[in-house]
Amino acid sequence: MKYVAAYLLATLGGNSSPSAADVKKILEAVGVEAESDRLDKLIAELDGKDINEVIAEGSSKLSSLPAGGGGGAAPAAAGGAAAAGGAAEAKKEEAKEEAKEESDDDMGFGLFD
């Protein structure tokens, strides 16, 4: 995925057909060591193709896959979501209380004052 992400970053930067060196430069900029065999395979697969068309083709393939469970689980999930919402509110209140308690621990000065 990191190779694909770097390739896409290069195309977003205006390079319509990034080379292996372009992708490698992006990866090295963030401290990732590029494996030349994987990088060469990616470049070979995408050579001469428009990245927008490749993404559109992949999206159409994914849309044909079934994704979802049975309809009977929806009411149970809705009930669970309501209960989770109440728990989230309680956690927010607890977090506010903890923040107040932690602010007293600094003895009147901060670490970076």
PDB file of N, CA and C in Angstrom:
ATOM      1  N   MET A   1       0.809  -1.196   0.000  1.00  0.00           N
ATOM      2  CA  MET A   1       0.000   0.000   0.000  1.00  0.00           C
ATOM      3  C   MET A   1       0.858   1.269   0.000  1.00  0.00           C
ATOM      4  N   LYS A   2       1.994   1.227   0.687  1.00  0.00           N
ATOM      5  CA  LYS A   2       2.815   2.433   0.751  1.00  0.00           C
ATOM      6  C   LYS A   2       3.351   2.811  -0.620  1.00  0.00           C
ATOM      7  N   TYR A   3       3.586   1.824  -1.460  1.00  0.00           N
ATOM      8  CA  TYR A   3       4.073   2.113  -2.801  1.00  0.00           C
ATOM      9  C   TYR A   3       2.971   2.754  -3.646  1.00  0.00           C
ATOM     10  N   VAL A   4       1.761   2.233  -3.497  1.00  0.00           N
ATOM     11  CA  VAL A   4       0.620   2.798  -4.225  1.00  0.00           C
ATOM     12  C   VAL A   4       0.350   4.215  -3.740  1.00  0.00           C
ATOM     13  N   ALA A   5       0.421   4.414  -2.418  1.00  0.00           N
ATOM     14  CA  ALA A   5       0.183   5.744  -1.864  1.00  0.00           C
ATOM     15  C   ALA A   5       1.221   6.744  -2.382  1.00  0.00           C
ATOM     16  N   ALA A   6       2.472   6.335  -2.425  1.00  0.00           N
ATOM     17  CA  ALA A   6       3.522   7.224  -2.934  1.00  0.00           C
ATOM     18  C   ALA A   6       3.305   7.517  -4.415  1.00  0.00           C
ATOM     19  N   TYR A   7       2.887   6.516  -5.181  1.00  0.00           N
ATOM     20  CA  TYR A   7       2.602   6.701  -6.605  1.00  0.00           C
ATOM     21  C   TYR A   7       1.464   7.712  -6.776  1.00  0.00           C
ATOM     22  N   LEU A   8       0.413   7.560  -5.952  1.00  0.00           N
ATOM     23  CA  LEU A   8      -0.719   8.479  -6.037  1.00  0.00           C
ATOM     24  C   LEU A   8      -0.320   9.895  -5.629  1.00  0.00           C
ATOM     25  N   LEU A   9       0.541  10.027  -4.639  1.00  0.00           N
ATOM     26  CA  LEU A   9       1.031  11.352  -4.252  1.00  0.00           C
ATOM     27  C   LEU A   9       1.787  12.014  -5.402  1.00  0.00           C
ATOM     28  N   ALA A  10       2.554  11.219  -6.108  1.00  0.00           N
ATOM     29  CA  ALA A  10       3.295  11.762  -7.250  1.00  0.00           C
ATOM     30  C   ALA A  10       2.340  12.230  -8.339  1.00  0.00           C
ATOM     31  N   THR A  11       1.270  11.469  -8.575  1.00  0.00           N
ATOM     32  CA  THR A  11       0.306  11.882  -9.596  1.00  0.00           C
ATOM     33  C   THR A  11      -0.472  13.114  -9.149  1.00  0.00           C
ATOM     34  N   LEU A  12      -0.761  13.207  -7.858  1.00  0.00           N
ATOM     35  CA  LEU A  12      -1.439  14.402  -7.358  1.00  0.00           C
ATOM     36  C   LEU A  12      -0.547  15.635  -7.483  1.00  0.00           C
ATOM     37  N   GLY A  13       0.745  15.416  -7.419  1.00  0.00           N
ATOM     38  CA  GLY A  13       1.699  16.501  -7.565  1.00  0.00           C
ATOM     39  C   GLY A  13       1.870  16.973  -9.002  1.00  0.00           C
ATOM     40  N   GLY A  14       1.206  16.312  -9.933  1.00  0.00           N
ATOM     41  CA  GLY A  14       1.257  16.753 -11.325  1.00  0.00           C
ATOM     42  C   GLY A  14       2.027  15.838 -12.255  1.00  0.00           C
ATOM     43  N   ASN A  15       2.646  14.796 -11.737  1.00  0.00           N
ATOM     44  CA  ASN A  15       3.391  13.858 -12.566  1.00  0.00           C
ATOM     45  C   ASN A  15       2.428  12.769 -13.031  1.00  0.00           C
ATOM     46  N   SER A  16       2.040  12.804 -14.300  1.00  0.00           N
ATOM     47  CA  SER A  16       1.027  11.863 -14.791  1.00  0.00           C
ATOM     48  C   SER A  16       1.544  10.435 -14.910  1.00  0.00           C
ATOM     49  N   SER A  17       2.851  10.258 -15.005  1.00  0.00           N
ATOM     50  CA  SER A  17       3.432   8.925 -15.113  1.00  0.00           C
ATOM     51  C   SER A  17       4.718   8.858 -14.284  1.00  0.00           C
ATOM     52  N   PRO A  18       4.577   8.705 -12.961  1.00  0.00           N
ATOM     53  CA  PRO A  18       5.768   8.695 -12.099  1.00  0.00           C
ATOM     54  C   PRO A  18       6.682   7.504 -12.384  1.00  0.00           C
ATOM     55  N   SER A  19       7.956   7.739 -12.271  1.00  0.00           N
ATOM     56  CA  SER A  19       8.932   6.662 -12.453  1.00  0.00           C
ATOM     57  C   SER A  19       9.229   6.027 -11.099  1.00  0.00           C
ATOM     58  N   ALA A  20       9.990   4.941 -11.125  1.00  0.00           N
ATOM     59  CA  ALA A  20      10.385   4.268  -9.886  1.00  0.00           C
ATOM     60  C   ALA A  20      11.211   5.213  -9.022  1.00  0.00           C
ATOM     61  N   ALA A  21      12.042   6.035  -9.648  1.00  0.00           N
ATOM     62  CA  ALA A  21      12.860   6.987  -8.895  1.00  0.00           C
ATOM     63  C   ALA A  21      11.992   8.029  -8.195  1.00  0.00           C
ATOM     64  N   ASP A  22      10.912   8.466  -8.858  1.00  0.00           N
ATOM     65  CA  ASP A  22      10.005   9.440  -8.243  1.00  0.00           C
ATOM     66  C   ASP A  22       9.344   8.864  -7.002  1.00  0.00           C
ATOM     67  N   VAL A  23       8.855   7.634  -7.125  1.00  0.00           N
ATOM     68  CA  VAL A  23       8.177   6.975  -6.001  1.00  0.00           C
ATOM     69  C   VAL A  23       9.176   6.711  -4.877  1.00  0.00           C
ATOM     70  N   LYS A  24      10.372   6.288  -5.235  1.00  0.00           N
ATOM     71  CA  LYS A  24      11.407   6.002  -4.241  1.00  0.00           C
ATOM     72  C   LYS A  24      11.785   7.270  -3.482  1.00  0.00           C
ATOM     73  N   LYS A  25      11.849   8.391  -4.176  1.00  0.00           N
ATOM     74  CA  LYS A  25      12.187   9.661  -3.541  1.00  0.00           C
ATOM     75  C   LYS A  25      11.132  10.054  -2.509  1.00  0.00           C
ATOM     76  N   ILE A  26       9.864   9.827  -2.831  1.00  0.00           N
ATOM     77  CA  ILE A  26       8.776  10.132  -1.898  1.00  0.00           C
ATOM     78  C   ILE A  26       8.869   9.227  -0.669  1.00  0.00           C
ATOM     79  N   LEU A  27       9.095   7.947  -0.901  1.00  0.00           N
ATOM     80  CA  LEU A  27       9.186   7.006   0.213  1.00  0.00           C
ATOM     81  C   LEU A  27      10.375   7.328   1.121  1.00  0.00           C
ATOM     82  N   GLU A  28      11.502   7.658   0.538  1.00  0.00           N
ATOM     83  CA  GLU A  28      12.689   7.980   1.336  1.00  0.00           C
ATOM     84  C   GLU A  28      12.509   9.277   2.113  1.00  0.00           C
ATOM     85  N   ALA A  29      11.673  10.173   1.598  1.00  0.00           N
ATOM     86  CA  ALA A  29      11.432  11.441   2.287  1.00  0.00           C
ATOM     87  C   ALA A  29      10.732  11.236   3.623  1.00  0.00           C
ATOM     88  N   VAL A  30       9.994  10.126   3.752  1.00  0.00           N
ATOM     89  CA  VAL A  30       9.296   9.837   5.004  1.00  0.00           C
ATOM     90  C   VAL A  30       9.959   8.709   5.777  1.00  0.00           C
ATOM     91  N   GLY A  31      11.165   8.331   5.346  1.00  0.00           N
ATOM     92  CA  GLY A  31      11.924   7.336   6.090  1.00  0.00           C
ATOM     93  C   GLY A  31      11.586   5.891   5.786  1.00  0.00           C
ATOM     94  N   VAL A  32      11.011   5.613   4.639  1.00  0.00           N
ATOM     95  CA  VAL A  32      10.668   4.250   4.246  1.00  0.00           C
ATOM     96  C   VAL A  32      11.695   3.767   3.232  1.00  0.00           C
ATOM     97  N   GLU A  33      12.231   2.585   3.485  1.00  0.00           N
ATOM     98  CA  GLU A  33      13.187   2.000   2.556  1.00  0.00           C
ATOM     99  C   GLU A  33      12.413   1.245   1.478  1.00  0.00           C
ATOM    100  N   ALA A  34      12.599   1.622   0.227  1.00  0.00           N
ATOM    101  CA  ALA A  34      11.855   1.032  -0.881  1.00  0.00           C
ATOM    102  C   ALA A  34      12.502  -0.268  -1.338  1.00  0.00           C
ATOM    103  N   GLU A  35      11.670  -1.288  -1.520  1.00  0.00           N
ATOM    104  CA  GLU A  35      12.131  -2.557  -2.074  1.00  0.00           C
ATOM    105  C   GLU A  35      11.984  -2.464  -3.590  1.00  0.00           C
ATOM    106  N   SER A  36      13.083  -2.613  -4.290  1.00  0.00           N
ATOM    107  CA  SER A  36      13.072  -2.376  -5.734  1.00  0.00           C
ATOM    108  C   SER A  36      12.192  -3.353  -6.497  1.00  0.00           C
ATOM    109  N   ASP A  37      12.085  -4.613  -6.048  1.00  0.00           N
ATOM    110  CA  ASP A  37      11.252  -5.563  -6.782  1.00  0.00           C
ATOM    111  C   ASP A  37       9.771  -5.196  -6.703  1.00  0.00           C
ATOM    112  N   ARG A  38       9.313  -4.784  -5.546  1.00  0.00           N
ATOM    113  CA  ARG A  38       7.913  -4.367  -5.415  1.00  0.00           C
ATOM    114  C   ARG A  38       7.643  -3.085  -6.186  1.00  0.00           C
ATOM    115  N   LEU A  39       8.577  -2.181  -6.098  1.00  0.00           N
ATOM    116  CA  LEU A  39       8.429  -0.908  -6.788  1.00  0.00           C
ATOM    117  C   LEU A  39       8.421  -1.099  -8.300  1.00  0.00           C
ATOM    118  N   ASP A  40       9.310  -1.950  -8.796  1.00  0.00           N
ATOM    119  CA  ASP A  40       9.354  -2.233 -10.235  1.00  0.00           C
ATOM    120  C   ASP A  40       8.070  -2.895 -10.712  1.00  0.00           C
ATOM    121  N   LYS A  41       7.508  -3.780  -9.893  1.00  0.00           N
ATOM    122  CA  LYS A  41       6.249  -4.450 -10.261  1.00  0.00           C
ATOM    123  C   LYS A  41       5.116  -3.431 -10.358  1.00  0.00           C
ATOM    124  N   LEU A  42       5.047  -2.519  -9.396  1.00  0.00           N
ATOM    125  CA  LEU A  42       4.003  -1.491  -9.425  1.00  0.00           C
ATOM    126  C   LEU A  42       4.132  -0.621 -10.665  1.00  0.00           C
ATOM    127  N   ILE A  43       5.338  -0.182 -10.961  1.00  0.00           N
ATOM    128  CA  ILE A  43       5.560   0.675 -12.130  1.00  0.00           C
ATOM    129  C   ILE A  43       5.204  -0.071 -13.410  1.00  0.00           C
ATOM    130  N   ALA A  44       5.558  -1.359 -13.483  1.00  0.00           N
ATOM    131  CA  ALA A  44       5.234  -2.154 -14.669  1.00  0.00           C
ATOM    132  C   ALA A  44       3.724  -2.323 -14.836  1.00  0.00           C
ATOM    133  N   GLU A  45       3.013  -2.523 -13.729  1.00  0.00           N
ATOM    134  CA  GLU A  45       1.558  -2.701 -13.795  1.00  0.00           C
ATOM    135  C   GLU A  45       0.841  -1.423 -14.216  1.00  0.00           C
ATOM    136  N   LEU A  46       1.350  -0.280 -13.804  1.00  0.00           N
ATOM    137  CA  LEU A  46       0.677   0.985 -14.080  1.00  0.00           C
ATOM    138  C   LEU A  46       1.243   1.739 -15.271  1.00  0.00           C
ATOM    139  N   ASP A  47       2.283   1.195 -15.906  1.00  0.00           N
ATOM    140  CA  ASP A  47       2.924   1.865 -17.029  1.00  0.00           C
ATOM    141  C   ASP A  47       1.944   2.042 -18.186  1.00  0.00           C
ATOM    142  N   GLY A  48       1.787   3.291 -18.622  1.00  0.00           N
ATOM    143  CA  GLY A  48       0.929   3.592 -19.763  1.00  0.00           C
ATOM    144  C   GLY A  48      -0.550   3.665 -19.436  1.00  0.00           C
ATOM    145  N   LYS A  49      -0.910   3.566 -18.168  1.00  0.00           N
ATOM    146  CA  LYS A  49      -2.315   3.616 -17.768  1.00  0.00           C
ATOM    147  C   LYS A  49      -2.596   4.934 -17.061  1.00  0.00           C
ATOM    148  N   ASP A  50      -3.824   5.416 -17.263  1.00  0.00           N
ATOM    149  CA  ASP A  50      -4.273   6.611 -16.566  1.00  0.00           C
ATOM    150  C   ASP A  50      -4.750   6.186 -15.179  1.00  0.00           C
ATOM    151  N   ILE A  51      -4.198   6.785 -14.139  1.00  0.00           N
ATOM    152  CA  ILE A  51      -4.501   6.363 -12.771  1.00  0.00           C
ATOM    153  C   ILE A  51      -5.976   6.562 -12.440  1.00  0.00           C
ATOM    154  N   ASN A  52      -6.615   7.578 -13.001  1.00  0.00           N
ATOM    155  CA  ASN A  52      -8.035   7.805 -12.757  1.00  0.00           C
ATOM    156  C   ASN A  52      -8.880   6.673 -13.326  1.00  0.00           C
ATOM    157  N   GLU A  53      -8.492   6.160 -14.495  1.00  0.00           N
ATOM    158  CA  GLU A  53      -9.215   5.041 -15.092  1.00  0.00           C
ATOM    159  C   GLU A  53      -8.999   3.763 -14.279  1.00  0.00           C
ATOM    160  N   VAL A  54      -7.799   3.573 -13.762  1.00  0.00           N
ATOM    161  CA  VAL A  54      -7.506   2.396 -12.944  1.00  0.00           C
ATOM    162  C   VAL A  54      -8.352   2.425 -11.674  1.00  0.00           C
ATOM    163  N   ILE A  55      -8.458   3.580 -11.050  1.00  0.00           N
ATOM    164  CA  ILE A  55      -9.261   3.710  -9.835  1.00  0.00           C
ATOM    165  C   ILE A  55     -10.739   3.487 -10.138  1.00  0.00           C
ATOM    166  N   ALA A  56     -11.230   4.054 -11.237  1.00  0.00           N
ATOM    167  CA  ALA A  56     -12.635   3.878 -11.610  1.00  0.00           C
ATOM    168  C   ALA A  56     -12.946   2.411 -11.895  1.00  0.00           C
ATOM    169  N   GLU A  57     -12.035   1.724 -12.562  1.00  0.00           N
ATOM    170  CA  GLU A  57     -12.231   0.302 -12.855  1.00  0.00           C
ATOM    171  C   GLU A  57     -12.269  -0.508 -11.558  1.00  0.00           C
ATOM    172  N   GLY A  58     -11.386  -0.208 -10.641  1.00  0.00           N
ATOM    173  CA  GLY A  58     -11.365  -0.902  -9.362  1.00  0.00           C
ATOM    174  C   GLY A  58     -12.621  -0.635  -8.551  1.00  0.00           C
ATOM    175  N   SER A  59     -13.110   0.589  -8.582  1.00  0.00           N
ATOM    176  CA  SER A  59     -14.332   0.931  -7.860  1.00  0.00           C
ATOM    177  C   SER A  59     -15.535   0.185  -8.418  1.00  0.00           C
ATOM    178  N   SER A  60     -15.596   0.059  -9.748  1.00  0.00           N
ATOM    179  CA  SER A  60     -16.729  -0.662 -10.348  1.00  0.00           C
ATOM    180  C   SER A  60     -16.679  -2.146  -9.992  1.00  0.00           C
ATOM    181  N   LYS A  61     -15.472  -2.701  -9.879  1.00  0.00           N
ATOM    182  CA  LYS A  61     -15.348  -4.098  -9.469  1.00  0.00           C
ATOM    183  C   LYS A  61     -15.781  -4.281  -8.023  1.00  0.00           C
ATOM    184  N   LEU A  62     -15.411  -3.345  -7.169  1.00  0.00           N
ATOM    185  CA  LEU A  62     -15.789  -3.435  -5.762  1.00  0.00           C
ATOM    186  C   LEU A  62     -17.289  -3.254  -5.556  1.00  0.00           C
ATOM    187  N   SER A  63     -17.922  -2.448  -6.380  1.00  0.00           N
ATOM    188  CA  SER A  63     -19.351  -2.207  -6.212  1.00  0.00           C
ATOM    189  C   SER A  63     -20.182  -3.443  -6.550  1.00  0.00           C
ATOM    190  N   SER A  64     -19.616  -4.364  -7.314  1.00  0.00           N
ATOM    191  CA  SER A  64     -20.366  -5.573  -7.665  1.00  0.00           C
ATOM    192  C   SER A  64     -20.286  -6.642  -6.579  1.00  0.00           C
ATOM    193  N   LEU A  65     -19.427  -6.452  -5.583  1.00  0.00           N
ATOM    194  CA  LEU A  65     -19.311  -7.420  -4.500  1.00  0.00           C
ATOM    195  C   LEU A  65     -20.434  -7.232  -3.500  1.00  0.00           C
ATOM    196  N   PRO A  66     -20.983  -8.326  -2.998  1.00  0.00           N
ATOM    197  CA  PRO A  66     -21.995  -8.175  -1.956  1.00  0.00           C
ATOM    198  C   PRO A  66     -21.335  -7.686  -0.672  1.00  0.00           C
ATOM    199  N   ALA A  67     -21.966  -6.745  -0.035  1.00  0.00           N
ATOM    200  CA  ALA A  67     -21.404  -6.209   1.200  1.00  0.00           C
ATOM    201  C   ALA A  67     -22.527  -5.979   2.195  1.00  0.00           C
ATOM    202  N   GLY A  68     -22.629  -6.844   3.145  1.00  0.00           N
ATOM    203  CA  GLY A  68     -23.640  -6.628   4.162  1.00  0.00           C
ATOM    204  C   GLY A  68     -24.129  -7.937   4.724  1.00  0.00           C
ATOM    205  N   GLY A  69     -24.810  -7.820   5.794  1.00  0.00           N
ATOM    206  CA  GLY A  69     -25.366  -8.985   6.459  1.00  0.00           C
ATOM    207  C   GLY A  69     -26.854  -9.050   6.245  1.00  0.00           C
ATOM    208  N   GLY A  70     -27.501  -9.818   7.063  1.00  0.00           N
ATOM    209  CA  GLY A  70     -28.942  -9.973   6.977  1.00  0.00           C
ATOM    210  C   GLY A  70     -29.658  -8.754   7.513  1.00  0.00           C
ATOM    211  N   GLY A  71     -30.893  -8.582   7.118  1.00  0.00           N
ATOM    212  CA  GLY A  71     -31.686  -7.434   7.558  1.00  0.00           C
ATOM    213  C   GLY A  71     -32.161  -7.567   8.984  1.00  0.00           C
ATOM    214  N   GLY A  72     -32.156  -8.769   9.558  1.00  0.00           N
ATOM    215  CA  GLY A  72     -32.656  -8.978  10.902  1.00  0.00           C
ATOM    216  C   GLY A  72     -31.786  -8.356  11.974  1.00  0.00           C
ATOM    217  N   ALA A  73     -30.569  -8.054  11.699  1.00  0.00           N
ATOM    218  CA  ALA A  73     -29.666  -7.532  12.711  1.00  0.00           C
ATOM    219  C   ALA A  73     -29.806  -6.024  12.898  1.00  0.00           C
ATOM    220  N   ALA A  74     -30.495  -5.343  12.005  1.00  0.00           N
ATOM    221  CA  ALA A  74     -30.587  -3.895  12.091  1.00  0.00           C
ATOM    222  C   ALA A  74     -31.271  -3.398  13.365  1.00  0.00           C
ATOM    223  N   PRO A  75     -32.416  -3.945  13.790  1.00  0.00           N
ATOM    224  CA  PRO A  75     -33.020  -3.445  15.023  1.00  0.00           C
ATOM    225  C   PRO A  75     -32.120  -3.640  16.240  1.00  0.00           C
ATOM    226  N   ALA A  76     -31.423  -4.752  16.309  1.00  0.00           N
ATOM    227  CA  ALA A  76     -30.540  -4.983  17.452  1.00  0.00           C
ATOM    228  C   ALA A  76     -29.394  -3.984  17.438  1.00  0.00           C
ATOM    229  N   ALA A  77     -28.895  -3.667  16.270  1.00  0.00           N
ATOM    230  CA  ALA A  77     -27.797  -2.713  16.168  1.00  0.00           C
ATOM    231  C   ALA A  77     -28.261  -1.319  16.566  1.00  0.00           C
ATOM    232  N   ALA A  78     -29.498  -0.970  16.215  1.00  0.00           N
ATOM    233  CA  ALA A  78     -30.008   0.348  16.566  1.00  0.00           C
ATOM    234  C   ALA A  78     -30.126   0.490  18.072  1.00  0.00           C
ATOM    235  N   GLY A  79     -30.578  -0.553  18.738  1.00  0.00           N
ATOM    236  CA  GLY A  79     -30.679  -0.519  20.194  1.00  0.00           C
ATOM    237  C   GLY A  79     -29.313  -0.406  20.823  1.00  0.00           C
ATOM    238  N   GLY A  80     -28.357  -1.102  20.276  1.00  0.00           N
ATOM    239  CA  GLY A  80     -26.992  -1.052  20.788  1.00  0.00           C
ATOM    240  C   GLY A  80     -26.371   0.311  20.571  1.00  0.00           C
ATOM    241  N   ALA A  81     -26.730   0.958  19.467  1.00  0.00           N
ATOM    242  CA  ALA A  81     -26.178   2.276  19.184  1.00  0.00           C
ATOM    243  C   ALA A  81     -26.707   3.300  20.180  1.00  0.00           C
ATOM    244  N   ALA A  82     -27.975   3.172  20.564  1.00  0.00           N
ATOM    245  CA  ALA A  82     -28.532   4.100  21.535  1.00  0.00           C
ATOM    246  C   ALA A  82     -27.841   3.935  22.883  1.00  0.00           C
ATOM    247  N   ALA A  83     -27.586   2.693  23.270  1.00  0.00           N
ATOM    248  CA  ALA A  83     -26.900   2.453  24.537  1.00  0.00           C
ATOM    249  C   ALA A  83     -25.473   2.978  24.484  1.00  0.00           C
ATOM    250  N   ALA A  84     -24.836   2.815  23.347  1.00  0.00           N
ATOM    251  CA  ALA A  84     -23.466   3.302  23.200  1.00  0.00           C
ATOM    252  C   ALA A  84     -23.430   4.820  23.262  1.00  0.00           C
ATOM    253  N   GLY A  85     -24.479   5.472  22.754  1.00  0.00           N
ATOM    254  CA  GLY A  85     -24.531   6.930  22.801  1.00  0.00           C
ATOM    255  C   GLY A  85     -24.558   7.433  24.228  1.00  0.00           C
ATOM    256  N   GLY A  86     -25.310   6.763  25.095  1.00  0.00           N
ATOM    257  CA  GLY A  86     -25.354   7.137  26.497  1.00  0.00           C
ATOM    258  C   GLY A  86     -24.016   6.931  27.167  1.00  0.00           C
ATOM    259  N   ALA A  87     -23.339   5.867  26.801  1.00  0.00           N
ATOM    260  CA  ALA A  87     -22.021   5.591  27.376  1.00  0.00           C
ATOM    261  C   ALA A  87     -21.006   6.640  26.931  1.00  0.00           C
ATOM    262  N   ALA A  88     -21.146   7.103  25.695  1.00  0.00           N
ATOM    263  CA  ALA A  88     -20.221   8.115  25.190  1.00  0.00           C
ATOM    264  C   ALA A  88     -20.384   9.423  25.951  1.00  0.00           C
ATOM    265  N   GLU A  89     -21.638   9.778  26.284  1.00  0.00           N
ATOM    266  CA  GLU A  89     -21.871  11.004  27.045  1.00  0.00           C
ATOM    267  C   GLU A  89     -21.252  10.897  28.437  1.00  0.00           C
ATOM    268  N   ALA A  90     -21.398   9.718  29.053  1.00  0.00           N
ATOM    269  CA  ALA A  90     -20.827   9.514  30.382  1.00  0.00           C
ATOM    270  C   ALA A  90     -19.303   9.630  30.335  1.00  0.00           C
ATOM    271  N   LYS A  91     -18.691   9.106  29.269  1.00  0.00           N
ATOM    272  CA  LYS A  91     -17.238   9.185  29.136  1.00  0.00           C
ATOM    273  C   LYS A  91     -16.788  10.632  28.979  1.00  0.00           C
ATOM    274  N   LYS A  92     -17.583  11.444  28.245  1.00  0.00           N
ATOM    275  CA  LYS A  92     -17.231  12.846  28.066  1.00  0.00           C
ATOM    276  C   LYS A  92     -17.223  13.565  29.415  1.00  0.00           C
ATOM    277  N   GLU A  93     -18.237  13.278  30.239  1.00  0.00           N
ATOM    278  CA  GLU A  93     -18.306  13.918  31.544  1.00  0.00           C
ATOM    279  C   GLU A  93     -17.122  13.497  32.411  1.00  0.00           C
ATOM    280  N   GLU A  94     -16.769  12.212  32.364  1.00  0.00           N
ATOM    281  CA  GLU A  94     -15.638  11.725  33.141  1.00  0.00           C
ATOM    282  C   GLU A  94     -14.342  12.390  32.683  1.00  0.00           C
ATOM    283  N   ALA A  95     -14.212  12.563  31.368  1.00  0.00           N
ATOM    284  CA  ALA A  95     -12.998  13.183  30.837  1.00  0.00           C
ATOM    285  C   ALA A  95     -12.877  14.623  31.316  1.00  0.00           C
ATOM    286  N   LYS A  96     -14.004  15.346  31.386  1.00  0.00           N
ATOM    287  CA  LYS A  96     -13.975  16.724  31.857  1.00  0.00           C
ATOM    288  C   LYS A  96     -13.558  16.771  33.320  1.00  0.00           C
ATOM    289  N   GLU A  97     -14.090  15.849  34.131  1.00  0.00           N
ATOM    290  CA  GLU A  97     -13.737  15.811  35.542  1.00  0.00           C
ATOM    291  C   GLU A  97     -12.250  15.495  35.716  1.00  0.00           C
ATOM    292  N   GLU A  98     -11.735  14.539  34.924  1.00  0.00           N
ATOM    293  CA  GLU A  98     -10.325  14.192  35.017  1.00  0.00           C
ATOM    294  C   GLU A  98      -9.444  15.365  34.620  1.00  0.00           C
ATOM    295  N   ALA A  99      -9.864  16.121  33.628  1.00  0.00           N
ATOM    296  CA  ALA A  99      -9.082  17.276  33.196  1.00  0.00           C
ATOM    297  C   ALA A  99      -8.984  18.302  34.315  1.00  0.00           C
ATOM    298  N   LYS A 100     -10.075  18.502  35.049  1.00  0.00           N
ATOM    299  CA  LYS A 100     -10.045  19.439  36.168  1.00  0.00           C
ATOM    300  C   LYS A 100      -9.078  18.951  37.244  1.00  0.00           C
ATOM    301  N   GLU A 101      -9.126  17.662  37.547  1.00  0.00           N
ATOM    302  CA  GLU A 101      -8.248  17.101  38.560  1.00  0.00           C
ATOM    303  C   GLU A 101      -6.780  17.219  38.142  1.00  0.00           C
ATOM    304  N   GLU A 102      -6.490  16.948  36.883  1.00  0.00           N
ATOM    305  CA  GLU A 102      -5.115  17.006  36.398  1.00  0.00           C
ATOM    306  C   GLU A 102      -4.584  18.430  36.408  1.00  0.00           C
ATOM    307  N   SER A 103      -5.449  19.415  36.217  1.00  0.00           N
ATOM    308  CA  SER A 103      -4.981  20.796  36.191  1.00  0.00           C
ATOM    309  C   SER A 103      -4.504  21.239  37.567  1.00  0.00           C
ATOM    310  N   ASP A 104      -5.001  20.621  38.614  1.00  0.00           N
ATOM    311  CA  ASP A 104      -4.551  20.952  39.960  1.00  0.00           C
ATOM    312  C   ASP A 104      -3.170  20.383  40.259  1.00  0.00           C
ATOM    313  N   ASP A 105      -2.760  19.390  39.505  1.00  0.00           N
ATOM    314  CA  ASP A 105      -1.491  18.721  39.759  1.00  0.00           C
ATOM    315  C   ASP A 105      -0.276  19.535  39.312  1.00  0.00           C
ATOM    316  N   ASP A 106      -0.471  20.596  38.550  1.00  0.00           N
ATOM    317  CA  ASP A 106       0.678  21.324  38.014  1.00  0.00           C
ATOM    318  C   ASP A 106       1.268  22.329  39.004  1.00  0.00           C
ATOM    319  N   MET A 107       0.702  22.487  40.174  1.00  0.00           N
ATOM    320  CA  MET A 107       1.192  23.349  41.259  1.00  0.00           C
ATOM    321  C   MET A 107       1.399  24.796  40.825  1.00  0.00           C
ATOM    322  N   GLY A 108       0.606  25.258  39.913  1.00  0.00           N
ATOM    323  CA  GLY A 108       0.639  26.662  39.543  1.00  0.00           C
ATOM    324  C   GLY A 108       1.603  27.010  38.420  1.00  0.00           C
ATOM    325  N   PHE A 109       2.334  26.062  37.906  1.00  0.00           N
ATOM    326  CA  PHE A 109       3.208  26.369  36.772  1.00  0.00           C
ATOM    327  C   PHE A 109       3.170  25.209  35.788  1.00  0.00           C
ATOM    328  N   GLY A 110       3.433  25.515  34.532  1.00  0.00           N
ATOM    329  CA  GLY A 110       3.427  24.507  33.494  1.00  0.00           C
ATOM    330  C   GLY A 110       4.839  24.086  33.122  1.00  0.00           C
ATOM    331  N   LEU A 111       4.926  23.039  32.385  1.00  0.00           N
ATOM    332  CA  LEU A 111       6.218  22.505  31.972  1.00  0.00           C
ATOM    333  C   LEU A 111       6.975  23.470  31.068  1.00  0.00           C
ATOM    334  N   PHE A 112       6.235  24.201  30.226  1.00  0.00           N
ATOM    335  CA  PHE A 112       6.880  25.058  29.245  1.00  0.00           C
ATOM    336  C   PHE A 112       6.663  26.549  29.534  1.00  0.00           C
ATOM    337  N   ASP A 113       6.418  26.916  30.791  1.00  0.00           N
ATOM    338  CA  ASP A 113       6.218  28.335  31.146  1.00  0.00           C
ATOM    339  C   ASP A 113       7.511  29.078  31.175  1.00  0.00           C
TER     340      ASP A 113
END
